[in-house]
Protein backbone atom coordinates (compact mmCIF):
# COMPACT_ATOMS: atom_id res chain seq x y z
CA MET A 1 -16.61 32.30 15.29
CA SER A 2 -13.62 29.92 15.72
CA ARG A 3 -14.23 26.46 17.07
CA LEU A 4 -12.60 25.91 20.46
CA VAL A 5 -9.88 23.34 20.94
CA SER A 6 -8.63 22.18 24.35
CA HIS A 7 -7.83 24.72 27.09
CA GLY A 8 -9.75 27.54 25.46
CA ARG A 9 -7.49 27.76 22.40
CA THR A 10 -8.92 28.12 18.94
CA GLU A 11 -8.10 26.01 15.89
CA ALA A 12 -6.39 29.07 14.41
CA HIS A 13 -4.01 29.25 17.40
CA ALA A 14 -3.27 25.53 17.14
CA ARG A 15 -2.58 25.88 13.39
CA ARG A 16 -0.20 28.81 14.03
CA ASP A 17 1.59 26.75 16.68
CA ARG A 18 2.03 23.83 14.27
CA ILE A 19 3.37 26.16 11.58
CA PHE A 20 5.74 27.74 14.10
CA LEU A 21 7.02 24.31 15.25
CA ARG A 22 7.55 23.21 11.65
CA LEU A 23 9.46 26.40 10.94
CA VAL A 24 11.66 25.89 14.02
CA ALA A 25 12.30 22.26 12.99
CA LEU A 26 13.19 23.38 9.46
CA LEU A 27 15.61 25.99 10.82
CA ILE A 28 17.25 23.38 13.05
CA VAL A 29 17.67 20.99 10.11
CA PHE A 30 19.07 23.84 8.00
CA ALA A 31 21.53 24.78 10.78
CA ILE A 32 22.70 21.16 11.13
CA LEU A 33 23.16 20.79 7.36
CA ASN A 34 24.96 24.13 7.18
CA PHE A 35 27.30 23.03 9.98
CA ALA A 36 27.88 19.66 8.35
CA MET A 37 28.48 21.13 4.89
CA ALA A 38 30.86 23.77 6.26
CA ARG A 39 32.95 20.91 7.64
CA ARG A 40 32.38 18.90 4.44
CA VAL A 41 30.60 16.12 6.31
CA VAL A 42 27.78 16.34 3.78
CA VAL A 43 28.56 16.33 0.07
CA ILE A 44 26.02 17.64 -2.44
CA ASN A 45 26.16 16.00 -5.85
CA THR A 46 24.40 17.53 -8.84
CA SER A 47 26.36 15.67 -11.53
CA PRO A 48 24.51 12.96 -13.48
CA SER A 49 27.54 10.63 -13.41
CA VAL A 50 26.65 9.74 -9.82
CA LYS A 51 23.07 9.76 -8.56
CA PRO A 52 22.33 13.39 -7.58
CA GLY A 53 21.68 13.92 -3.89
CA LEU A 54 23.22 14.45 -0.46
CA TYR A 55 26.00 12.11 0.61
CA LEU A 56 27.42 11.70 4.11
CA ARG A 57 31.20 11.43 4.27
CA SER A 58 32.76 8.56 6.16
CA PRO A 59 36.16 8.27 7.86
CA ALA A 60 36.56 4.76 6.38
CA SER A 61 39.55 4.07 4.15
CA PRO A 62 38.85 4.29 0.41
CA SER A 63 38.24 0.94 -1.28
CA VAL A 64 36.98 -0.48 -4.57
CA GLY A 65 33.21 -0.07 -4.88
CA GLU A 66 33.02 2.94 -2.58
CA LEU A 67 32.17 6.50 -3.56
CA VAL A 68 34.81 9.12 -2.84
CA ASP A 69 34.98 12.86 -3.24
CA PHE A 70 38.31 14.34 -4.18
CA CYS A 71 39.98 17.53 -5.32
CA ILE A 72 40.01 18.03 -9.07
CA PRO A 73 43.33 16.56 -10.23
CA ALA A 74 45.95 18.90 -11.67
CA ALA A 75 45.75 17.00 -14.99
CA ALA A 76 42.09 18.07 -15.31
CA ARG A 77 42.40 21.74 -14.34
CA ASP A 78 43.13 23.14 -17.81
CA TYR A 79 39.99 21.46 -19.15
CA VAL A 80 37.95 22.68 -16.16
CA ARG A 81 39.30 26.22 -16.67
CA THR A 82 38.39 26.09 -20.39
CA ARG A 83 34.91 24.81 -19.59
CA SER A 84 34.07 27.00 -16.59
CA GLY A 85 36.54 29.88 -16.43
CA ASN A 86 37.64 28.57 -13.00
CA SER A 87 40.67 26.40 -12.27
CA GLY A 88 38.63 24.17 -9.99
CA GLU A 89 41.33 24.14 -7.31
CA ASN A 90 38.65 24.27 -4.60
CA TRP A 91 36.16 22.05 -6.42
CA TYR A 92 35.51 18.40 -5.78
CA ILE A 93 34.40 15.43 -7.85
CA LEU A 94 32.32 12.49 -6.53
CA LYS A 95 32.95 9.11 -8.22
CA PRO A 96 33.03 5.40 -7.41
CA ILE A 97 36.38 3.62 -7.14
CA VAL A 98 36.78 0.76 -9.66
CA ALA A 99 40.44 -0.05 -9.04
CA GLY A 100 42.84 0.39 -6.16
CA PRO A 101 46.39 -0.43 -5.10
CA GLY A 102 47.70 -3.51 -6.92
CA ASP A 103 45.04 -3.47 -9.64
CA ARG A 104 46.10 -3.31 -13.29
CA VAL A 105 44.48 -0.51 -15.31
CA ASP A 106 44.77 -0.27 -19.08
CA THR A 107 43.50 2.74 -21.07
CA ILE A 108 45.80 2.47 -24.08
CA GLY A 109 43.24 0.98 -26.46
CA GLU A 110 39.62 1.89 -27.06
CA TRP A 111 38.44 0.33 -23.76
CA LEU A 112 39.00 0.85 -20.05
CA ILE A 113 40.30 -2.52 -18.85
CA VAL A 114 40.73 -3.30 -15.14
CA ASN A 115 42.47 -6.56 -14.18
CA GLY A 116 41.80 -7.94 -17.67
CA LYS A 117 38.07 -7.10 -17.66
CA ARG A 118 36.68 -4.62 -20.22
CA LEU A 119 34.54 -2.11 -18.30
CA ALA A 120 33.66 0.61 -20.79
CA PRO A 121 34.78 2.39 -23.93
CA MET A 122 37.18 5.24 -23.50
CA PRO A 123 35.44 8.63 -23.46
CA PRO A 124 34.99 10.69 -26.60
CA ARG A 125 37.86 12.98 -27.58
CA THR A 126 35.67 16.08 -27.21
CA ASP A 127 32.87 17.11 -24.88
CA GLY A 128 29.36 18.13 -25.98
CA ALA A 129 30.57 21.64 -26.82
CA GLY A 130 33.47 20.42 -28.96
CA ARG A 131 36.19 21.14 -26.37
CA ALA A 132 39.05 18.64 -26.29
CA LEU A 133 38.84 16.29 -23.31
CA PRO A 134 42.02 15.16 -21.60
CA ILE A 135 42.57 11.43 -22.05
CA TRP A 136 44.83 9.38 -19.77
CA ARG A 137 46.68 6.72 -21.73
CA ASP A 138 48.65 4.13 -19.76
CA CYS A 139 48.73 0.47 -18.80
CA ARG A 140 50.11 -0.27 -15.36
CA VAL A 141 49.54 -1.56 -11.85
CA LEU A 142 48.29 1.13 -9.45
CA GLY A 143 50.61 2.14 -6.64
CA ASP A 144 49.95 1.87 -2.90
CA ASP A 145 48.19 5.23 -2.71
CA GLU A 146 46.45 5.26 -6.11
CA PHE A 147 42.78 4.75 -7.01
CA PHE A 148 41.03 4.72 -10.38
CA VAL A 149 37.55 6.28 -10.38
CA PHE A 150 34.95 5.60 -13.03
CA SER A 151 31.21 6.00 -13.45
CA ASP A 152 29.11 4.08 -15.94
CA ARG A 153 25.90 6.09 -15.32
CA ILE A 154 26.65 8.25 -18.37
CA PHE A 155 28.88 7.37 -21.32
CA ASN A 156 31.00 10.52 -21.10
CA SER A 157 31.64 10.65 -17.36
CA PHE A 158 34.57 12.92 -16.49
CA ASP A 159 36.57 10.36 -14.54
CA SER A 160 40.03 8.76 -14.30
CA ARG A 161 39.86 7.80 -17.99
CA CYS A 162 40.41 11.54 -18.55
CA TYR A 163 42.84 12.50 -15.78
CA GLY A 164 44.36 9.25 -14.54
CA PRO A 165 44.45 7.70 -11.08
CA ILE A 166 43.84 9.86 -8.04
CA HIS A 167 46.02 9.73 -4.95
CA ARG A 168 44.84 8.97 -1.43
CA LYS A 169 45.83 12.50 -0.32
CA GLN A 170 43.35 13.97 -2.84
CA ILE A 171 40.44 12.03 -1.33
CA GLN A 172 38.43 14.02 1.16
């Protein structure tokens, strides 16, 4: 026999009600996330070059130190196609900005140098499967709408060292 809870209800009924309320709450959260992701308000990152997780997009202007998500640059699409079989035209990358308009970026030597400071070695010439990686080689001051993205979480991050600066219009 079930033990009675308040108002003549049993513990079993109360447990079913709690399960039902949790399910409704879960469905509401799922609907909100689905809505947000459909409008790209929420970005899901699974890449190890930036901490995996959910990120909320902001309308703030891009700046050094901030994370941005952006369309895969045209200079990277051949590599992406070779690696995945897809051009990546509708794919996005999430990376931190390390240099912006007016900053000097140098990738000609063996190191990424920003404003005279060595940040990291240039990436390997091939990926883990032996495919040739694109490498951006230049030394110049970034233009008014250019940003250089780089992640030091993993040594072979696929970032601007491979495909060059990204433009403000690419940033989502």
